[in-house]
Amino acid sequence: MSSNIGVCPRCFNIKVLTRHHIFPQRFFGKKNNSAKLYLCRKCHDIADKLTPYKKKLTKEQYIKIHKEWIRSE
């Protein structure tokens, strides 16, 4: 987990940012899993709930879900 302070790309608040893996580590592992977002804790918790827990999606589907969520209000 990162302890950098910055602007969360979802809520635009200046907070401590945490690393969120767009491709769940439970399916894709830690190696070759470089697609990350740096989010505040509140937004990170929401991002964790965006995708099904037990069903593996394609990488394109994970990107689409996160892209749409980041852009929504």
Protein backbone atom coordinates (compact mmCIF):
# COMPACT_ATOMS: atom_id res chain seq x y z
CA MET A 1 0.00 0.00 0.00
CA SER A 2 1.27 3.43 -0.90
CA SER A 3 1.36 6.30 1.60
CA ASN A 4 1.62 9.10 -0.93
CA ILE A 5 -0.57 12.16 -0.61
CA GLY A 6 -2.19 13.28 -3.83
CA VAL A 7 -5.45 14.01 -5.61
CA CYS A 8 -7.82 11.08 -5.87
CA PRO A 9 -8.87 10.73 -9.55
CA ARG A 10 -12.41 9.77 -8.53
CA CYS A 11 -13.43 12.27 -5.81
CA PHE A 12 -10.71 14.90 -6.47
CA ASN A 13 -9.95 15.24 -2.75
CA ILE A 14 -6.35 15.62 -1.57
CA LYS A 15 -5.74 12.57 0.61
CA VAL A 16 -3.40 9.68 1.26
CA LEU A 17 -3.69 7.47 -1.82
CA THR A 18 -3.69 3.67 -1.83
CA ARG A 19 -2.81 1.37 -4.72
CA HIS A 20 -5.77 -0.41 -6.34
CA HIS A 21 -5.13 -3.20 -8.86
CA ILE A 22 -7.58 -2.92 -11.76
CA PHE A 23 -7.08 -6.63 -12.47
CA PRO A 24 -7.87 -8.51 -9.23
CA GLN A 25 -4.83 -10.23 -7.79
CA ARG A 26 -6.96 -13.25 -6.85
CA PHE A 27 -7.25 -13.99 -10.59
CA PHE A 28 -4.17 -12.38 -12.15
CA GLY A 29 -1.59 -12.63 -9.37
CA LYS A 30 1.02 -10.02 -8.46
CA LYS A 31 3.39 -10.49 -11.38
CA ASN A 32 2.48 -8.79 -14.66
CA ASN A 33 -0.35 -6.92 -12.93
CA SER A 34 0.80 -3.38 -13.56
CA ALA A 35 -2.60 -1.75 -14.22
CA LYS A 36 -3.17 0.26 -11.05
CA LEU A 37 -5.10 3.26 -9.83
CA TYR A 38 -4.07 5.36 -6.84
CA LEU A 39 -7.22 6.19 -4.90
CA CYS A 40 -8.18 7.54 -1.48
CA ARG A 41 -9.29 4.83 0.96
CA LYS A 42 -13.01 5.61 0.54
CA CYS A 43 -12.86 5.38 -3.26
CA HIS A 44 -10.59 2.32 -3.06
CA ASP A 45 -13.23 0.51 -0.99
CA ILE A 46 -15.86 1.37 -3.61
CA ALA A 47 -13.59 0.24 -6.46
CA ASP A 48 -13.10 -3.12 -4.72
CA LYS A 49 -16.87 -3.66 -4.88
CA LEU A 50 -17.21 -2.82 -8.60
CA THR A 51 -16.47 -6.27 -9.91
CA PRO A 52 -17.79 -9.73 -9.13
CA TYR A 53 -15.76 -11.46 -6.43
CA LYS A 54 -15.91 -15.01 -7.76
CA LYS A 55 -16.26 -14.48 -11.50
CA LYS A 56 -13.15 -13.71 -13.56
CA LEU A 57 -13.72 -11.16 -16.31
CA THR A 58 -11.52 -10.27 -19.26
CA LYS A 59 -8.95 -7.53 -18.77
CA GLU A 60 -10.93 -5.38 -21.20
CA GLN A 61 -14.04 -5.76 -19.02
CA TYR A 62 -12.16 -4.69 -15.87
CA ILE A 63 -10.78 -1.65 -17.69
CA LYS A 64 -14.24 -0.70 -18.97
CA ILE A 65 -15.79 -1.00 -15.50
CA HIS A 66 -13.13 1.19 -13.92
CA LYS A 67 -13.13 3.73 -16.76
CA GLU A 68 -16.90 4.20 -16.54
CA TRP A 69 -16.75 4.47 -12.75
CA ILE A 70 -13.95 7.07 -12.77
CA ARG A 71 -15.86 9.19 -15.31
CA SER A 72 -19.25 8.95 -13.55
CA GLU A 73 -20.45 11.49 -11.04
